[in-house]
PDB file of all heavy atoms in Angstrom:
ATOM      1  N   ALA A   1       0.829  -1.210   0.000  1.00  0.00           N
ATOM      2  CA  ALA A   1       0.000   0.000   0.000  1.00  0.00           C
ATOM      3  C   ALA A   1       0.862   1.256   0.000  1.00  0.00           C
ATOM      4  O   ALA A   1       0.424   2.322  -0.444  1.00  0.00           O
ATOM      5  CB  ALA A   1      -0.922  -0.006   1.212  1.00  0.00           C
ATOM      6  N   LEU A   2       2.093   1.154   0.484  1.00  0.00           N
ATOM      7  CA  LEU A   2       3.015   2.290   0.494  1.00  0.00           C
ATOM      8  C   LEU A   2       3.949   2.294  -0.712  1.00  0.00           C
ATOM      9  O   LEU A   2       4.847   3.115  -0.800  1.00  0.00           O
ATOM     10  CB  LEU A   2       3.852   2.267   1.784  1.00  0.00           C
ATOM     11  CG  LEU A   2       3.063   2.389   3.080  1.00  0.00           C
ATOM     12  CD1 LEU A   2       3.963   2.162   4.278  1.00  0.00           C
ATOM     13  CD2 LEU A   2       2.402   3.754   3.159  1.00  0.00           C
ATOM     14  N   GLY A   3       3.751   1.344  -1.620  1.00  0.00           N
ATOM     15  CA  GLY A   3       4.584   1.279  -2.815  1.00  0.00           C
ATOM     16  C   GLY A   3       5.898   0.553  -2.600  1.00  0.00           C
ATOM     17  O   GLY A   3       6.838   0.725  -3.353  1.00  0.00           O
ATOM     18  N   ILE A   4       5.968  -0.260  -1.534  1.00  0.00           N
ATOM     19  CA  ILE A   4       7.192  -1.008  -1.221  1.00  0.00           C
ATOM     20  C   ILE A   4       6.940  -2.475  -1.493  1.00  0.00           C
ATOM     21  O   ILE A   4       6.035  -3.078  -0.921  1.00  0.00           O
ATOM     22  CB  ILE A   4       7.585  -0.810   0.258  1.00  0.00           C
ATOM     23  CG1 ILE A   4       7.784   0.668   0.549  1.00  0.00           C
ATOM     24  CG2 ILE A   4       8.825  -1.616   0.600  1.00  0.00           C
ATOM     25  CD1 ILE A   4       7.924   0.993   2.019  1.00  0.00           C
ATOM     26  N   ASP A   5       7.713  -3.048  -2.396  1.00  0.00           N
ATOM     27  CA  ASP A   5       7.579  -4.471  -2.706  1.00  0.00           C
ATOM     28  C   ASP A   5       8.352  -5.298  -1.687  1.00  0.00           C
ATOM     29  O   ASP A   5       9.556  -5.109  -1.511  1.00  0.00           O
ATOM     30  CB  ASP A   5       8.122  -4.771  -4.114  1.00  0.00           C
ATOM     31  CG  ASP A   5       7.253  -4.164  -5.192  1.00  0.00           C
ATOM     32  OD1 ASP A   5       6.027  -4.064  -4.970  1.00  0.00           O
ATOM     33  OD2 ASP A   5       7.795  -3.784  -6.247  1.00  0.00           O
ATOM     34  N   PRO A   6       7.695  -6.224  -0.996  1.00  0.00           N
ATOM     35  CA  PRO A   6       8.400  -7.081  -0.037  1.00  0.00           C
ATOM     36  C   PRO A   6       9.359  -8.028  -0.738  1.00  0.00           C
ATOM     37  O   PRO A   6       9.083  -8.516  -1.836  1.00  0.00           O
ATOM     38  CB  PRO A   6       7.289  -7.870   0.649  1.00  0.00           C
ATOM     39  CG  PRO A   6       6.001  -7.364   0.118  1.00  0.00           C
ATOM     40  CD  PRO A   6       6.274  -6.459  -1.012  1.00  0.00           C
ATOM     41  N   VAL A   7      10.490  -8.277  -0.087  1.00  0.00           N
ATOM     42  CA  VAL A   7      11.473  -9.222  -0.622  1.00  0.00           C
ATOM     43  C   VAL A   7      11.135 -10.639  -0.178  1.00  0.00           C
ATOM     44  O   VAL A   7      11.292 -11.587  -0.921  1.00  0.00           O
ATOM     45  CB  VAL A   7      12.897  -8.834  -0.147  1.00  0.00           C
ATOM     46  CG1 VAL A   7      13.928  -9.854  -0.599  1.00  0.00           C
ATOM     47  CG2 VAL A   7      13.264  -7.448  -0.658  1.00  0.00           C
ATOM     48  N   ALA A   8      10.649 -10.761   1.064  1.00  0.00           N
ATOM     49  CA  ALA A   8      10.261 -12.074   1.602  1.00  0.00           C
ATOM     50  C   ALA A   8       9.010 -11.899   2.447  1.00  0.00           C
ATOM     51  O   ALA A   8       8.836 -10.892   3.122  1.00  0.00           O
ATOM     52  CB  ALA A   8      11.392 -12.648   2.446  1.00  0.00           C
ATOM     53  N   HIS A   9       8.139 -12.882   2.408  1.00  0.00           N
ATOM     54  CA  HIS A   9       6.922 -12.849   3.213  1.00  0.00           C
ATOM     55  C   HIS A   9       7.220 -13.487   4.565  1.00  0.00           C
ATOM     56  O   HIS A   9       7.345 -14.707   4.684  1.00  0.00           O
ATOM     57  CB  HIS A   9       5.795 -13.597   2.501  1.00  0.00           C
ATOM     58  CG  HIS A   9       4.529 -13.638   3.305  1.00  0.00           C
ATOM     59  ND1 HIS A   9       3.791 -12.518   3.572  1.00  0.00           N
ATOM     60  CD2 HIS A   9       3.896 -14.677   3.907  1.00  0.00           C
ATOM     61  CE1 HIS A   9       2.745 -12.853   4.307  1.00  0.00           C
ATOM     62  NE2 HIS A   9       2.786 -14.166   4.531  1.00  0.00           N
ATOM     63  N   VAL A  10       7.368 -12.648   5.601  1.00  0.00           N
ATOM     64  CA  VAL A  10       7.640 -13.118   6.961  1.00  0.00           C
ATOM     65  C   VAL A  10       6.612 -12.440   7.858  1.00  0.00           C
ATOM     66  O   VAL A  10       6.802 -11.304   8.289  1.00  0.00           O
ATOM     67  CB  VAL A  10       9.080 -12.780   7.394  1.00  0.00           C
ATOM     68  CG1 VAL A  10       9.389 -13.373   8.754  1.00  0.00           C
ATOM     69  CG2 VAL A  10      10.088 -13.255   6.361  1.00  0.00           C
ATOM     70  N   PRO A  11       5.493 -13.108   8.149  1.00  0.00           N
ATOM     71  CA  PRO A  11       4.366 -12.474   8.837  1.00  0.00           C
ATOM     72  C   PRO A  11       4.681 -11.873  10.205  1.00  0.00           C
ATOM     73  O   PRO A  11       4.110 -10.874  10.589  1.00  0.00           O
ATOM     74  CB  PRO A  11       3.355 -13.610   8.987  1.00  0.00           C
ATOM     75  CG  PRO A  11       3.713 -14.598   7.949  1.00  0.00           C
ATOM     76  CD  PRO A  11       5.196 -14.482   7.766  1.00  0.00           C
ATOM     77  N   GLY A  12       5.624 -12.426  10.983  1.00  0.00           N
ATOM     78  CA  GLY A  12       5.879 -11.929  12.328  1.00  0.00           C
ATOM     79  C   GLY A  12       6.759 -10.688  12.399  1.00  0.00           C
ATOM     80  O   GLY A  12       6.838 -10.037  13.435  1.00  0.00           O
ATOM     81  N   VAL A  13       7.404 -10.325  11.315  1.00  0.00           N
ATOM     82  CA  VAL A  13       8.332  -9.197  11.342  1.00  0.00           C
ATOM     83  C   VAL A  13       7.581  -7.890  11.582  1.00  0.00           C
ATOM     84  O   VAL A  13       6.628  -7.563  10.891  1.00  0.00           O
ATOM     85  CB  VAL A  13       9.143  -9.113  10.030  1.00  0.00           C
ATOM     86  CG1 VAL A  13       9.967  -7.843   9.981  1.00  0.00           C
ATOM     87  CG2 VAL A  13      10.027 -10.324   9.880  1.00  0.00           C
ATOM     88  N   GLY A  14       8.008  -7.156  12.603  1.00  0.00           N
ATOM     89  CA  GLY A  14       7.407  -5.863  12.906  1.00  0.00           C
ATOM     90  C   GLY A  14       6.133  -5.922  13.723  1.00  0.00           C
ATOM     91  O   GLY A  14       5.560  -4.894  14.046  1.00  0.00           O
ATOM     92  N   ARG A  15       5.681  -7.087  14.084  1.00  0.00           N
ATOM     93  CA  ARG A  15       4.409  -7.233  14.796  1.00  0.00           C
ATOM     94  C   ARG A  15       4.423  -6.524  16.154  1.00  0.00           C
ATOM     95  O   ARG A  15       3.456  -5.929  16.558  1.00  0.00           O
ATOM     96  CB  ARG A  15       4.076  -8.700  14.975  1.00  0.00           C
ATOM     97  CG  ARG A  15       2.728  -8.902  15.672  1.00  0.00           C
ATOM     98  CD  ARG A  15       2.249 -10.307  15.602  1.00  0.00           C
ATOM     99  NE  ARG A  15       1.950 -10.598  14.183  1.00  0.00           N
ATOM    100  CZ  ARG A  15       1.912 -11.820  13.669  1.00  0.00           C
ATOM    101  NH1 ARG A  15       2.150 -12.856  14.425  1.00  0.00           N
ATOM    102  NH2 ARG A  15       1.639 -12.013  12.408  1.00  0.00           N
ATOM    103  N   ASN A  16       5.529  -6.580  16.875  1.00  0.00           N
ATOM    104  CA  ASN A  16       5.610  -5.969  18.192  1.00  0.00           C
ATOM    105  C   ASN A  16       6.524  -4.731  18.175  1.00  0.00           C
ATOM    106  O   ASN A  16       7.155  -4.402  19.166  1.00  0.00           O
ATOM    107  CB  ASN A  16       6.112  -6.998  19.221  1.00  0.00           C
ATOM    108  CG  ASN A  16       5.890  -6.529  20.641  1.00  0.00           C
ATOM    109  OD1 ASN A  16       4.996  -5.721  20.901  1.00  0.00           O
ATOM    110  ND2 ASN A  16       6.700  -7.005  21.560  1.00  0.00           N
ATOM    111  N   LEU A  17       6.591  -4.047  17.070  1.00  0.00           N
ATOM    112  CA  LEU A  17       7.437  -2.862  16.939  1.00  0.00           C
ATOM    113  C   LEU A  17       6.914  -1.743  17.834  1.00  0.00           C
ATOM    114  O   LEU A  17       5.736  -1.412  17.810  1.00  0.00           O
ATOM    115  CB  LEU A  17       7.461  -2.386  15.485  1.00  0.00           C
ATOM    116  CG  LEU A  17       8.333  -1.180  15.202  1.00  0.00           C
ATOM    117  CD1 LEU A  17       9.798  -1.507  15.456  1.00  0.00           C
ATOM    118  CD2 LEU A  17       8.141  -0.727  13.764  1.00  0.00           C
ATOM    119  N   GLN A  18       7.788  -1.201  18.671  1.00  0.00           N
ATOM    120  CA  GLN A  18       7.423  -0.122  19.577  1.00  0.00           C
ATOM    121  C   GLN A  18       8.478   0.969  19.509  1.00  0.00           C
ATOM    122  O   GLN A  18       9.655   0.690  19.353  1.00  0.00           O
ATOM    123  CB  GLN A  18       7.321  -0.632  21.015  1.00  0.00           C
ATOM    124  CG  GLN A  18       6.281  -1.691  21.203  1.00  0.00           C
ATOM    125  CD  GLN A  18       6.291  -2.230  22.627  1.00  0.00           C
ATOM    126  OE1 GLN A  18       6.772  -1.595  23.539  1.00  0.00           O
ATOM    127  NE2 GLN A  18       5.747  -3.420  22.800  1.00  0.00           N
ATOM    128  N   ASP A  19       8.050   2.202  19.677  1.00  0.00           N
ATOM    129  CA  ASP A  19       8.982   3.305  19.733  1.00  0.00           C
ATOM    130  C   ASP A  19       9.439   3.486  21.176  1.00  0.00           C
ATOM    131  O   ASP A  19       8.741   3.107  22.115  1.00  0.00           O
ATOM    132  CB  ASP A  19       8.309   4.587  19.226  1.00  0.00           C
ATOM    133  CG  ASP A  19       9.314   5.617  18.772  1.00  0.00           C
ATOM    134  OD1 ASP A  19      10.524   5.357  18.894  1.00  0.00           O
ATOM    135  OD2 ASP A  19       8.900   6.687  18.306  1.00  0.00           O
ATOM    136  N   HIS A  20      10.594   4.069  21.370  1.00  0.00           N
ATOM    137  CA  HIS A  20      11.125   4.312  22.706  1.00  0.00           C
ATOM    138  C   HIS A  20      11.197   5.816  22.955  1.00  0.00           C
ATOM    139  O   HIS A  20      11.550   6.584  22.073  1.00  0.00           O
ATOM    140  CB  HIS A  20      12.531   3.716  22.849  1.00  0.00           C
ATOM    141  CG  HIS A  20      12.568   2.235  22.708  1.00  0.00           C
ATOM    142  ND1 HIS A  20      12.131   1.388  23.693  1.00  0.00           N
ATOM    143  CD2 HIS A  20      12.983   1.459  21.692  1.00  0.00           C
ATOM    144  CE1 HIS A  20      12.290   0.138  23.284  1.00  0.00           C
ATOM    145  NE2 HIS A  20      12.793   0.163  22.081  1.00  0.00           N
ATOM    146  N   VAL A  21      10.891   6.205  24.163  1.00  0.00           N
ATOM    147  CA  VAL A  21      11.012   7.596  24.552  1.00  0.00           C
ATOM    148  C   VAL A  21      12.493   7.943  24.594  1.00  0.00           C
ATOM    149  O   VAL A  21      13.312   7.186  25.103  1.00  0.00           O
ATOM    150  CB  VAL A  21      10.371   7.833  25.937  1.00  0.00           C
ATOM    151  CG1 VAL A  21      10.585   9.255  26.388  1.00  0.00           C
ATOM    152  CG2 VAL A  21       8.893   7.510  25.881  1.00  0.00           C
ATOM    153  N   ASP A  22      12.846   9.093  24.061  1.00  0.00           N
ATOM    154  CA  ASP A  22      14.239   9.515  24.026  1.00  0.00           C
ATOM    155  C   ASP A  22      14.326  10.954  24.500  1.00  0.00           C
ATOM    156  O   ASP A  22      13.520  11.796  24.094  1.00  0.00           O
ATOM    157  CB  ASP A  22      14.783   9.393  22.602  1.00  0.00           C
ATOM    158  CG  ASP A  22      16.274   9.617  22.530  1.00  0.00           C
ATOM    159  OD1 ASP A  22      16.944   9.566  23.575  1.00  0.00           O
ATOM    160  OD2 ASP A  22      16.782   9.844  21.418  1.00  0.00           O
ATOM    161  N   VAL A  23      15.265  11.232  25.355  1.00  0.00           N
ATOM    162  CA  VAL A  23      15.490  12.588  25.834  1.00  0.00           C
ATOM    163  C   VAL A  23      16.923  12.961  25.495  1.00  0.00           C
ATOM    164  O   VAL A  23      17.865  12.257  25.876  1.00  0.00           O
ATOM    165  CB  VAL A  23      15.272  12.693  27.360  1.00  0.00           C
ATOM    166  CG1 VAL A  23      15.581  14.083  27.860  1.00  0.00           C
ATOM    167  CG2 VAL A  23      13.854  12.299  27.716  1.00  0.00           C
ATOM    168  N   TYR A  24      17.083  14.046  24.769  1.00  0.00           N
ATOM    169  CA  TYR A  24      18.404  14.510  24.369  1.00  0.00           C
ATOM    170  C   TYR A  24      18.789  15.673  25.269  1.00  0.00           C
ATOM    171  O   TYR A  24      18.062  16.658  25.357  1.00  0.00           O
ATOM    172  CB  TYR A  24      18.377  14.930  22.901  1.00  0.00           C
ATOM    173  CG  TYR A  24      19.724  15.281  22.346  1.00  0.00           C
ATOM    174  CD1 TYR A  24      20.665  14.294  22.086  1.00  0.00           C
ATOM    175  CD2 TYR A  24      20.056  16.598  22.075  1.00  0.00           C
ATOM    176  CE1 TYR A  24      21.899  14.614  21.568  1.00  0.00           C
ATOM    177  CE2 TYR A  24      21.288  16.922  21.551  1.00  0.00           C
ATOM    178  CZ  TYR A  24      22.199  15.923  21.305  1.00  0.00           C
ATOM    179  OH  TYR A  24      23.432  16.239  20.786  1.00  0.00           O
ATOM    180  N   VAL A  25      19.899  15.533  25.955  1.00  0.00           N
ATOM    181  CA  VAL A  25      20.323  16.560  26.900  1.00  0.00           C
ATOM    182  C   VAL A  25      21.658  17.124  26.448  1.00  0.00           C
ATOM    183  O   VAL A  25      22.594  16.369  26.171  1.00  0.00           O
ATOM    184  CB  VAL A  25      20.466  15.983  28.327  1.00  0.00           C
ATOM    185  CG1 VAL A  25      20.971  17.037  29.290  1.00  0.00           C
ATOM    186  CG2 VAL A  25      19.151  15.401  28.793  1.00  0.00           C
ATOM    187  N   MET A  26      21.741  18.423  26.365  1.00  0.00           N
ATOM    188  CA  MET A  26      23.008  19.095  26.062  1.00  0.00           C
ATOM    189  C   MET A  26      23.419  19.903  27.289  1.00  0.00           C
ATOM    190  O   MET A  26      22.571  20.501  27.948  1.00  0.00           O
ATOM    191  CB  MET A  26      22.869  20.010  24.857  1.00  0.00           C
ATOM    192  CG  MET A  26      22.648  19.286  23.566  1.00  0.00           C
ATOM    193  SD  MET A  26      22.602  20.376  22.156  1.00  0.00           S
ATOM    194  CE  MET A  26      24.281  20.954  22.112  1.00  0.00           C
TER     195      MET A  26
END
C-alpha cells in the first residue's frame, strides 16, 4: 500500500514494533 515491494513474506516481522522515549540533553 506504500509502494514497497516485499522481498520475503515473513508475517511476524514488525508485529511488536514499539517506539522508545528519548530525551536529548546538552
